[in-house]
Amino acid sequence: MQIKGSSSGLVLTSRRAATCTDSEVDERVNREACRRVGLRSMAILPLLIGEQAGGVLKLAWRDPRPFDEDEVPVGQAVADMTAALMFHASQEGAQTLQRKVTQDPATGLPNRSWFYEQLRVRVDDAIARSGRVGVMAARVRPQQRDVTMEIARRLARECREGDVLARLGGDEFGVILSVAARRSIIQSQE
């Protein structure tokens, strides 16, 4: 990113937001770059980490437009949250972040987002192979956290190799059943 003489550079050095209502008449912007990406107006907001600006967040529009007095403060709040997330992400390892995003902290089981991603992958695979996917959902009514933990342990113990067990929410668990012939499923229920 070019800093000297650019709108982004101005925002980085001043640590203050800037707006451009029309890139065709604003001398601070690179008109050719704006034309290439098809933008005519923008708000450029500093990503502040403490007193330092670590980058900018650009909100862009295809048409020239004025900015309401509330838009820049709301945009800056989004930029501040983005900067905080970036800072915390840089402080934690990738594995820790991956675990936080995909694992239920109470049970240690995969969470809803991981479950749905695995379900999407398995459904796509089943469609490609003209196969099947089995899904089971269970809603339980635990009274305490230790009961939820015990239910999670029991469900995990009953899952077969290749099954995917996840905690979907407070009292909901889901299982993606591994591929099995219809006959073997019926026999296991007898």
Protein backbone atom coordinates (compact mmCIF):
# COMPACT_ATOMS: atom_id res chain seq x y z
CA MET A 1 0.00 0.00 0.00
CA GLN A 2 1.35 3.40 -0.95
CA ILE A 3 1.44 5.52 2.20
CA LYS A 4 3.00 8.83 1.25
CA GLY A 5 0.50 11.13 -0.44
CA SER A 6 -2.42 8.69 -0.24
CA SER A 7 -5.68 8.80 1.69
CA SER A 8 -4.72 5.60 3.47
CA GLY A 9 -1.37 7.12 4.42
CA LEU A 10 -3.12 10.21 5.78
CA VAL A 11 -5.39 8.02 7.92
CA LEU A 12 -2.45 5.91 9.14
CA THR A 13 -0.38 8.92 10.17
CA SER A 14 -3.22 11.00 11.64
CA ARG A 15 -5.04 8.00 13.19
CA ARG A 16 -8.29 9.71 12.13
CA ALA A 17 -10.94 8.56 9.66
CA ALA A 18 -11.23 10.21 6.26
CA THR A 19 -14.02 10.17 3.70
CA CYS A 20 -14.13 10.66 -0.03
CA THR A 21 -17.54 11.57 -1.45
CA ASP A 22 -16.40 11.37 -5.09
CA SER A 23 -13.11 9.86 -6.22
CA GLU A 24 -13.31 11.68 -9.56
CA VAL A 25 -12.88 15.09 -7.88
CA ASP A 26 -11.00 14.28 -4.65
CA GLU A 27 -7.29 15.11 -5.09
CA ARG A 28 -6.25 12.80 -2.23
CA VAL A 29 -7.18 9.55 -3.99
CA ASN A 30 -5.64 7.58 -6.81
CA ARG A 31 -8.30 8.01 -9.50
CA GLU A 32 -6.96 5.24 -11.72
CA ALA A 33 -6.97 2.73 -8.86
CA CYS A 34 -10.53 3.75 -7.94
CA ARG A 35 -11.65 3.38 -11.56
CA ARG A 36 -10.07 -0.09 -11.81
CA VAL A 37 -12.10 -1.38 -8.87
CA GLY A 38 -15.19 0.67 -9.69
CA LEU A 39 -15.47 2.81 -6.57
CA ARG A 40 -16.55 6.41 -6.36
CA SER A 41 -16.87 7.09 -2.63
CA MET A 42 -15.31 5.61 0.48
CA ALA A 43 -14.67 5.92 4.17
CA ILE A 44 -11.15 5.04 5.29
CA LEU A 45 -10.93 4.11 8.96
CA PRO A 46 -7.81 3.48 11.05
CA LEU A 47 -7.37 0.06 12.64
CA LEU A 48 -6.16 1.26 16.01
CA ILE A 49 -4.25 -1.01 18.36
CA GLY A 50 -3.62 1.12 21.40
CA GLU A 51 -2.25 4.39 20.09
CA GLN A 52 -0.85 2.82 16.91
CA ALA A 53 -2.66 2.52 13.59
CA GLY A 54 -1.92 -0.98 12.32
CA GLY A 55 -3.76 -0.59 9.02
CA VAL A 56 -6.95 0.77 7.54
CA LEU A 57 -10.45 -0.51 6.87
CA LYS A 58 -11.98 0.86 3.68
CA LEU A 59 -15.72 0.98 3.17
CA ALA A 60 -16.40 1.60 -0.52
CA TRP A 61 -19.39 2.48 -2.69
CA ARG A 62 -19.75 2.40 -6.46
CA ASP A 63 -21.59 5.74 -6.61
CA PRO A 64 -20.65 9.20 -5.32
CA ARG A 65 -22.41 9.89 -2.04
CA PRO A 66 -22.23 12.10 1.03
CA PHE A 67 -21.80 10.49 4.44
CA ASP A 68 -24.33 10.86 7.24
CA GLU A 69 -22.89 12.05 10.54
CA ASP A 70 -23.56 8.61 12.11
CA GLU A 71 -21.86 6.52 9.43
CA VAL A 72 -18.23 7.28 10.22
CA PRO A 73 -18.57 6.64 14.00
CA VAL A 74 -20.38 3.35 13.32
CA GLY A 75 -17.72 2.41 10.77
CA GLN A 76 -15.00 3.30 13.28
CA ALA A 77 -16.64 1.02 15.86
CA VAL A 78 -16.46 -1.82 13.31
CA ALA A 79 -12.81 -0.93 12.59
CA ASP A 80 -12.03 -0.94 16.32
CA MET A 81 -13.58 -4.40 16.74
CA THR A 82 -11.68 -5.63 13.68
CA ALA A 83 -8.41 -4.27 15.08
CA ALA A 84 -9.07 -5.93 18.45
CA LEU A 85 -9.78 -9.27 16.76
CA MET A 86 -6.64 -8.95 14.65
CA PHE A 87 -4.57 -8.13 17.73
CA HIS A 88 -5.91 -11.07 19.73
CA ALA A 89 -5.50 -13.39 16.75
CA SER A 90 -1.86 -12.36 16.47
CA GLN A 91 -1.33 -13.15 20.16
CA GLU A 92 -2.71 -16.68 19.95
CA GLY A 93 -1.47 -19.60 17.94
CA ALA A 94 -3.39 -20.89 14.95
CA GLN A 95 -4.24 -24.14 16.73
CA THR A 96 -5.71 -22.31 19.71
CA LEU A 97 -7.84 -20.15 17.43
CA GLN A 98 -8.98 -23.19 15.43
CA ARG A 99 -10.01 -24.96 18.63
CA LYS A 100 -11.95 -21.93 19.87
CA VAL A 101 -13.81 -21.68 16.58
CA THR A 102 -14.65 -25.38 16.24
CA GLN A 103 -14.90 -26.81 19.76
CA ASP A 104 -17.56 -26.56 22.46
CA PRO A 105 -15.73 -25.34 25.57
CA ALA A 106 -18.01 -27.12 28.07
CA THR A 107 -17.80 -30.64 26.63
CA GLY A 108 -14.70 -30.56 24.44
CA LEU A 109 -16.84 -31.91 21.57
CA PRO A 110 -16.90 -30.28 18.16
CA ASN A 111 -19.40 -27.42 18.02
CA ARG A 112 -22.31 -26.52 15.73
CA SER A 113 -20.23 -24.72 13.08
CA TRP A 114 -17.78 -27.62 12.78
CA PHE A 115 -20.70 -30.10 12.66
CA TYR A 116 -22.41 -28.21 9.83
CA GLU A 117 -19.17 -27.96 7.88
CA GLN A 118 -18.61 -31.72 8.23
CA LEU A 119 -22.23 -32.35 7.24
CA ARG A 120 -21.80 -30.21 4.12
CA VAL A 121 -18.65 -32.13 3.16
CA ARG A 122 -20.33 -35.50 3.69
CA VAL A 123 -23.49 -34.53 1.80
CA ASP A 124 -21.38 -33.28 -1.13
CA ASP A 125 -19.44 -36.55 -1.06
CA ALA A 126 -22.64 -38.62 -0.91
CA ILE A 127 -24.12 -36.72 -3.86
CA ALA A 128 -20.94 -37.28 -5.88
CA ARG A 129 -21.01 -41.02 -5.11
CA SER A 130 -24.81 -41.42 -5.20
CA GLY A 131 -24.48 -42.46 -1.58
CA ARG A 132 -26.27 -41.67 1.66
CA VAL A 133 -25.68 -39.66 4.79
CA GLY A 134 -27.26 -40.47 8.12
CA VAL A 135 -27.89 -37.76 10.69
CA MET A 136 -29.20 -38.11 14.21
CA ALA A 137 -30.15 -35.27 16.52
CA ALA A 138 -30.80 -35.62 20.23
CA ARG A 139 -32.25 -33.09 22.61
CA VAL A 140 -31.67 -33.80 26.27
CA ARG A 141 -32.75 -31.89 29.33
CA PRO A 142 -29.73 -31.79 31.63
CA GLN A 143 -30.17 -29.92 34.87
CA GLN A 144 -26.49 -29.23 35.49
CA ARG A 145 -23.21 -28.91 33.65
CA ASP A 146 -21.92 -32.24 34.98
CA VAL A 147 -25.02 -33.97 33.56
CA THR A 148 -24.29 -32.44 30.14
CA MET A 149 -20.72 -33.72 30.41
CA GLU A 150 -21.93 -37.24 31.28
CA ILE A 151 -24.36 -37.24 28.35
CA ALA A 152 -21.54 -36.15 26.04
CA ARG A 153 -19.31 -38.98 27.35
CA ARG A 154 -22.06 -41.59 26.88
CA LEU A 155 -22.89 -40.42 23.37
CA ALA A 156 -19.19 -40.47 22.45
CA ARG A 157 -18.88 -44.01 23.83
CA GLU A 158 -21.77 -45.21 21.62
CA CYS A 159 -20.53 -43.61 18.41
CA ARG A 160 -18.90 -45.88 15.87
CA GLU A 161 -15.59 -45.22 14.19
CA GLY A 162 -16.21 -42.61 11.51
CA ASP A 163 -19.29 -41.12 13.20
CA VAL A 164 -19.14 -37.40 13.96
CA LEU A 165 -20.55 -36.27 17.31
CA ALA A 166 -20.99 -32.59 18.15
CA ARG A 167 -22.73 -30.41 20.69
CA LEU A 168 -25.06 -28.21 18.68
CA GLY A 169 -26.24 -26.03 21.52
CA GLY A 170 -27.27 -26.01 25.15
CA ASP A 171 -29.20 -29.28 25.20
CA GLU A 172 -28.76 -30.49 21.62
CA PHE A 173 -26.31 -33.01 20.23
CA GLY A 174 -25.90 -34.17 16.65
CA VAL A 175 -24.31 -37.23 15.08
CA ILE A 176 -23.37 -37.68 11.44
CA LEU A 177 -23.46 -41.42 10.98
CA SER A 178 -20.63 -43.05 9.12
CA VAL A 179 -21.53 -44.68 5.83
CA ALA A 180 -23.13 -48.05 6.45
CA ALA A 181 -25.30 -50.31 4.40
CA ARG A 182 -28.99 -50.10 5.24
CA ARG A 183 -28.95 -53.76 6.31
CA SER A 184 -26.18 -53.18 8.90
CA ILE A 185 -28.11 -50.27 10.43
CA ILE A 186 -31.24 -52.39 10.73
CA GLN A 187 -29.28 -55.29 12.23
CA SER A 188 -27.63 -53.05 14.82
CA GLN A 189 -31.07 -51.89 16.00
CA GLU A 190 -32.34 -55.44 16.62
